[in-house]
N, C-alpha and C. Protein backbone atom coordinates (compact mmCIF):
# COMPACT_ATOMS: atom_id res chain seq x y z
N UNK A 1 30.39 14.49 71.93
CA UNK A 1 31.36 14.04 70.60
C UNK A 1 32.50 14.81 70.67
N UNK A 2 33.55 13.28 70.23
CA UNK A 2 34.81 13.51 70.09
C UNK A 2 34.78 14.44 69.59
N UNK A 3 36.19 15.35 70.09
CA UNK A 3 37.05 16.85 70.12
C UNK A 3 38.69 16.33 69.20
N UNK A 4 38.26 16.27 67.95
CA UNK A 4 39.65 16.52 67.27
C UNK A 4 40.67 17.47 67.56
N UNK A 5 42.29 15.68 67.88
CA UNK A 5 42.98 16.67 67.59
C UNK A 5 44.15 16.17 67.31
N UNK A 6 44.91 17.07 66.78
CA UNK A 6 46.41 16.14 66.21
C UNK A 6 47.14 15.31 66.92
N UNK A 7 47.45 14.47 66.97
CA UNK A 7 48.42 13.63 66.78
C UNK A 7 50.10 14.00 67.42
N UNK A 8 50.03 12.34 68.57
CA UNK A 8 52.09 14.10 68.34
C UNK A 8 53.06 14.55 67.29
N UNK A 9 53.11 13.22 66.37
CA UNK A 9 54.49 13.35 65.52
C UNK A 9 53.61 14.51 64.80
N UNK A 10 52.69 14.64 64.63
CA UNK A 10 50.95 15.96 63.82
C UNK A 10 51.09 17.07 64.99
N UNK A 11 52.21 16.94 65.29
CA UNK A 11 52.11 17.88 66.31
C UNK A 11 53.96 18.73 66.47
N UNK A 12 54.94 17.12 66.65
CA UNK A 12 56.15 17.85 66.88
C UNK A 12 55.88 18.98 64.75
N UNK A 13 55.74 18.09 64.56
CA UNK A 13 55.46 19.12 62.14
C UNK A 13 55.02 20.01 62.46
N UNK A 14 54.36 20.40 63.87
CA UNK A 14 53.72 21.87 63.61
C UNK A 14 54.23 22.65 64.37
N UNK A 15 54.50 21.64 64.77
CA UNK A 15 56.00 23.06 65.79
C UNK A 15 56.57 23.33 64.81
N UNK A 16 57.68 22.86 64.44
CA UNK A 16 58.52 22.91 63.24
C UNK A 16 58.84 23.26 62.30
N UNK A 17 57.12 24.06 61.67
CA UNK A 17 56.57 24.83 60.91
C UNK A 17 56.34 25.61 61.47
N UNK A 18 56.17 25.87 62.56
CA UNK A 18 56.19 27.65 63.79
C UNK A 18 57.19 27.78 63.11
N UNK A 19 58.14 27.40 64.26
CA UNK A 19 58.97 27.50 64.20
C UNK A 19 59.91 28.50 62.53
N UNK A 20 59.59 27.41 61.75
CA UNK A 20 60.75 26.85 60.86
C UNK A 20 59.53 28.87 60.45
N UNK A 21 58.16 28.96 60.42
CA UNK A 21 57.81 29.68 59.27
C UNK A 21 58.64 32.13 60.15
N UNK A 22 58.32 31.07 61.63
CA UNK A 22 58.72 32.62 62.35
C UNK A 22 60.71 33.17 62.57
N UNK A 23 61.14 32.18 62.22
CA UNK A 23 62.71 32.65 61.22
C UNK A 23 61.63 33.25 60.17
N UNK A 24 61.69 32.81 59.62
CA UNK A 24 61.35 32.96 57.50
C UNK A 24 60.27 34.55 57.99
N UNK A 25 59.75 34.99 59.06
CA UNK A 25 59.09 36.31 59.93
C UNK A 25 59.63 37.09 59.57
N UNK A 26 60.79 37.16 60.96
CA UNK A 26 61.69 37.71 62.39
C UNK A 26 63.01 37.84 60.33
N UNK A 27 63.14 37.00 59.66
CA UNK A 27 64.40 36.94 58.38
C UNK A 27 64.16 38.82 57.07
N UNK A 28 62.57 38.27 57.11
CA UNK A 28 62.34 39.58 55.71
C UNK A 28 62.12 40.82 56.63
N UNK A 29 61.74 40.93 58.05
CA UNK A 29 61.82 42.10 58.49
C UNK A 29 62.98 42.24 58.32
N UNK A 30 64.13 41.86 59.11
CA UNK A 30 64.71 42.59 59.36
C UNK A 30 65.62 43.18 58.10
N UNK A 31 65.64 42.29 57.35
CA UNK A 31 66.25 42.31 56.04
C UNK A 31 65.32 43.53 55.57
N UNK A 32 64.27 44.35 55.68
CA UNK A 32 63.66 45.09 55.17
C UNK A 32 64.24 46.73 55.37
N UNK A 33 65.40 45.96 56.97
CA UNK A 33 65.53 47.94 57.21
C UNK A 33 67.19 47.93 56.55
N UNK A 34 67.30 46.99 56.10
CA UNK A 34 68.84 47.33 55.49
C UNK A 34 69.37 46.64 53.65
N UNK A 35 67.64 47.02 53.67
CA UNK A 35 67.21 46.38 51.22
C UNK A 35 67.32 48.55 50.87
N UNK A 36 68.41 48.42 50.22
CA UNK A 36 67.91 49.74 49.69
C UNK A 36 66.50 48.95 48.26
N UNK A 37 66.52 48.85 47.89
CA UNK A 37 66.04 48.10 47.01
C UNK A 37 64.76 48.77 47.36
N UNK A 38 63.83 49.40 46.22
CA UNK A 38 62.48 49.03 46.37
C UNK A 38 61.15 48.70 46.13
N UNK A 39 61.80 47.74 45.26
CA UNK A 39 60.14 46.72 44.69
C UNK A 39 60.86 45.42 45.62
N UNK A 40 62.64 45.73 46.03
CA UNK A 40 62.63 44.09 46.47
C UNK A 40 61.72 44.55 48.20
N UNK A 41 62.08 45.59 48.90
CA UNK A 41 61.69 45.63 50.05
C UNK A 41 59.67 45.17 49.53
N UNK A 42 58.98 45.85 48.97
CA UNK A 42 58.01 44.99 48.48
C UNK A 42 57.43 43.54 48.67
N UNK A 43 58.51 43.52 48.24
CA UNK A 43 58.60 41.24 48.54
C UNK A 43 58.28 41.62 49.65
N UNK A 44 59.39 42.28 50.54
CA UNK A 44 59.12 41.66 51.11
C UNK A 44 58.64 41.80 52.43
N UNK A 45 57.63 42.47 52.27
CA UNK A 45 56.39 43.02 52.50
C UNK A 45 55.09 42.21 52.79
N UNK A 46 54.93 41.77 51.39
CA UNK A 46 53.65 40.40 51.77
C UNK A 46 54.30 39.68 52.05
N UNK A 47 55.51 39.04 52.09
CA UNK A 47 56.49 37.71 52.65
C UNK A 47 55.99 37.54 53.98
N UNK A 48 56.29 39.03 54.78
CA UNK A 48 55.93 39.10 56.38
C UNK A 48 54.14 39.13 56.54
N UNK A 49 53.73 39.41 55.38
CA UNK A 49 52.39 39.92 55.71
C UNK A 49 51.34 38.39 55.56
N UNK A 50 52.47 37.56 54.63
CA UNK A 50 51.92 35.77 54.47
C UNK A 50 52.30 35.16 55.53
N UNK A 51 53.09 35.72 55.78
CA UNK A 51 54.31 34.32 56.78
C UNK A 51 53.54 34.78 58.47
N UNK A 52 52.59 36.57 59.03
CA UNK A 52 51.70 36.47 59.54
C UNK A 52 50.30 35.28 59.67
N UNK A 53 50.04 35.83 58.23
CA UNK A 53 48.40 34.08 58.26
C UNK A 53 49.10 32.98 58.08
N UNK A 54 50.06 32.51 58.23
CA UNK A 54 49.87 31.20 57.96
C UNK A 54 50.81 30.77 59.25
N UNK A 55 51.03 32.10 60.12
CA UNK A 55 51.55 31.34 61.09
C UNK A 55 49.97 31.40 62.54
N UNK A 56 49.13 32.56 61.93
CA UNK A 56 48.01 32.27 62.43
C UNK A 56 47.17 31.16 62.58
N UNK A 57 47.29 31.06 61.28
CA UNK A 57 46.22 29.72 60.71
C UNK A 57 47.20 27.96 61.41
N UNK A 58 48.66 28.79 61.48
CA UNK A 58 49.16 27.62 62.46
C UNK A 58 49.53 26.75 63.97
N UNK A 59 48.42 28.68 64.41
CA UNK A 59 48.93 28.56 64.95
C UNK A 59 46.96 27.69 65.65
N UNK A 60 46.19 27.85 64.89
CA UNK A 60 45.08 27.24 64.44
C UNK A 60 45.32 26.36 65.26
N UNK A 61 45.95 25.14 64.55
CA UNK A 61 46.65 24.07 64.07
C UNK A 61 47.33 23.59 65.80
N UNK A 62 47.39 23.63 65.96
CA UNK A 62 49.13 23.38 67.29
C UNK A 62 48.02 24.01 68.17
N UNK A 63 46.75 24.59 68.38
CA UNK A 63 45.77 24.19 69.47
C UNK A 63 45.23 23.15 69.46
N UNK A 64 44.52 22.75 68.52
CA UNK A 64 44.69 21.49 69.05
C UNK A 64 45.30 20.30 69.39
N UNK A 65 45.79 20.45 69.05
CA UNK A 65 46.67 19.33 69.51
C UNK A 65 47.14 18.96 70.89
N UNK A 66 47.49 17.89 71.35
CA UNK A 66 47.09 16.50 72.56
C UNK A 66 47.77 17.35 73.32
N UNK A 67 49.35 18.02 73.23
CA UNK A 67 50.06 18.22 74.37
C UNK A 67 49.87 19.18 74.84
N UNK A 68 48.98 20.51 74.75
CA UNK A 68 48.24 21.23 75.39
C UNK A 68 46.98 21.61 76.44
N UNK A 69 46.42 19.65 75.71
CA UNK A 69 45.14 19.88 76.68
C UNK A 69 44.80 18.59 77.70
């Protein structure tokens, strides 16, 4: 059975999304340190947790790319 892999353009798009989600994660994590509103901190922590989950899912697809094989 042939192993499924991403096409080159799909690999590039996955890489771009992965970079974007990583930047969003870093921004939310850094903004928590300077935020004084506790409700906003809670929302940013939820965003951080969701971003981590999204990044882990994207890594799964990225590992299936042709460039990494």
